[in-house]
Amino acid sequence: MDAIDQLKLMTAWDTEPALTLGELENVLSAASLDDSGGHAPADDDWEPTYDLDAAAAAAWLIKAARAAATVDEPTAGVVTSKIFDNCRKMAASYSNRRNTTVLVR
């Protein structure tokens, strides 16, 4: 499974508030890491390497922003504030698991 497919699963991307494929690609790109050979994402020899937890946290924050921008409809059956809270909890959960890099000399 490639990174974008993993990110789709981690973010429930097509569940409202939904994300676009472009948004997923953007957060994945922002979470690029140097590969195991020390190649930076801008290098021609870079092997795609990502901090998927960081990308998922960013994606869940986008979903939270979408939920915050909606208004609760009494007849909708879904309370927007609960969706917002859930998105924020998911963002925090992935943020707490983020990859940390330590330079050792």
Protein backbone atom coordinates (compact mmCIF):
# COMPACT_ATOMS: atom_id res chain seq x y z
CA MET A 1 0.00 0.00 0.00
CA ASP A 2 1.47 3.37 -0.93
CA ALA A 3 1.62 6.42 1.35
CA ILE A 4 -1.43 8.18 -0.12
CA ASP A 5 -3.58 5.08 0.36
CA GLN A 6 -2.38 4.74 3.95
CA LEU A 7 -3.19 8.41 4.56
CA LYS A 8 -6.67 7.93 3.13
CA LEU A 9 -7.29 5.19 5.68
CA MET A 10 -5.82 7.18 8.55
CA THR A 11 -8.02 10.19 7.86
CA ALA A 12 -11.35 8.72 6.75
CA TRP A 13 -10.77 11.12 3.87
CA ASP A 14 -14.07 10.60 2.07
CA THR A 15 -16.23 10.83 5.21
CA GLU A 16 -17.71 14.26 5.91
CA PRO A 17 -16.12 16.63 6.39
CA ALA A 18 -14.35 15.14 3.40
CA LEU A 19 -10.90 15.91 2.06
CA THR A 20 -9.89 16.15 -1.57
CA LEU A 21 -7.11 14.10 -3.09
CA GLY A 22 -5.20 17.35 -3.67
CA GLU A 23 -5.40 18.21 0.04
CA LEU A 24 -4.08 14.78 0.96
CA GLU A 25 -1.24 15.16 -1.52
CA ASN A 26 -0.39 18.58 -0.06
CA VAL A 27 -0.25 17.41 3.58
CA LEU A 28 1.74 14.35 2.51
CA SER A 29 4.22 16.51 0.63
CA ALA A 30 4.59 18.78 3.67
CA ALA A 31 5.40 15.69 5.77
CA SER A 32 8.28 14.58 3.53
CA LEU A 33 11.40 13.37 5.31
CA ASP A 34 14.97 12.63 4.31
CA ASP A 35 15.16 8.99 3.24
CA SER A 36 17.30 6.30 4.86
CA GLY A 37 20.16 7.17 2.50
CA GLY A 38 20.18 10.77 3.71
CA HIS A 39 18.63 12.12 0.52
CA ALA A 40 16.39 15.17 0.96
CA PRO A 41 12.99 15.27 -0.77
CA ALA A 42 14.42 17.72 -3.35
CA ASP A 43 17.19 15.28 -4.36
CA ASP A 44 16.82 13.21 -7.52
CA ASP A 45 17.79 10.04 -5.63
CA TRP A 46 15.19 10.56 -2.86
CA GLU A 47 13.09 7.54 -2.00
CA PRO A 48 9.63 8.77 -0.95
CA THR A 49 9.66 8.87 2.85
CA TYR A 50 6.99 10.56 4.96
CA ASP A 51 5.94 11.18 8.52
CA LEU A 52 2.44 9.77 8.02
CA ASP A 53 1.41 10.72 11.56
CA ALA A 54 2.25 14.37 10.88
CA ALA A 55 0.35 14.25 7.60
CA ALA A 56 -2.67 12.66 9.27
CA ALA A 57 -2.64 15.25 12.06
CA ALA A 58 -2.63 18.06 9.47
CA ALA A 59 -5.44 16.41 7.51
CA TRP A 60 -7.60 16.02 10.63
CA LEU A 61 -7.08 19.72 11.39
CA ILE A 62 -8.43 20.56 7.93
CA LYS A 63 -11.45 18.40 8.67
CA ALA A 64 -11.88 20.16 12.04
CA ALA A 65 -11.79 23.56 10.33
CA ARG A 66 -14.51 22.43 7.94
CA ALA A 67 -16.65 21.22 10.83
CA ALA A 68 -16.12 24.48 12.71
CA ALA A 69 -17.32 26.44 9.70
CA THR A 70 -20.68 24.65 9.59
CA VAL A 71 -23.78 25.47 11.56
CA ASP A 72 -25.69 22.95 13.63
CA GLU A 73 -29.02 22.18 12.01
CA PRO A 74 -31.58 21.02 14.59
CA THR A 75 -33.08 18.61 12.06
CA ALA A 76 -29.80 17.24 10.76
CA GLY A 77 -29.41 14.56 13.42
CA VAL A 78 -25.67 15.22 13.68
CA VAL A 79 -24.21 17.74 16.09
CA THR A 80 -21.42 19.62 14.32
CA SER A 81 -19.63 20.41 17.57
CA LYS A 82 -19.21 16.68 18.20
CA ILE A 83 -17.71 16.23 14.73
CA PHE A 84 -15.37 19.16 15.41
CA ASP A 85 -14.35 17.64 18.76
CA ASN A 86 -13.72 14.25 17.17
CA CYS A 87 -11.58 15.76 14.39
CA ARG A 88 -9.50 17.65 16.96
CA LYS A 89 -9.06 14.49 19.04
CA MET A 90 -7.88 12.57 15.99
CA ALA A 91 -5.45 15.38 15.09
CA ALA A 92 -4.06 15.34 18.65
CA SER A 93 -3.77 11.56 18.62
CA TYR A 94 -1.70 11.54 15.42
CA SER A 95 0.29 14.58 16.50
CA ASN A 96 1.33 12.77 19.68
CA ARG A 97 2.69 9.87 17.60
CA ARG A 98 4.68 12.03 15.16
CA ASN A 99 8.12 10.98 14.03
CA THR A 100 10.91 12.76 15.82
CA THR A 101 14.35 13.10 14.34
CA VAL A 102 17.44 13.52 16.47
CA LEU A 103 20.81 14.41 15.02
CA VAL A 104 23.57 12.51 16.77
CA ARG A 105 27.17 13.61 16.30
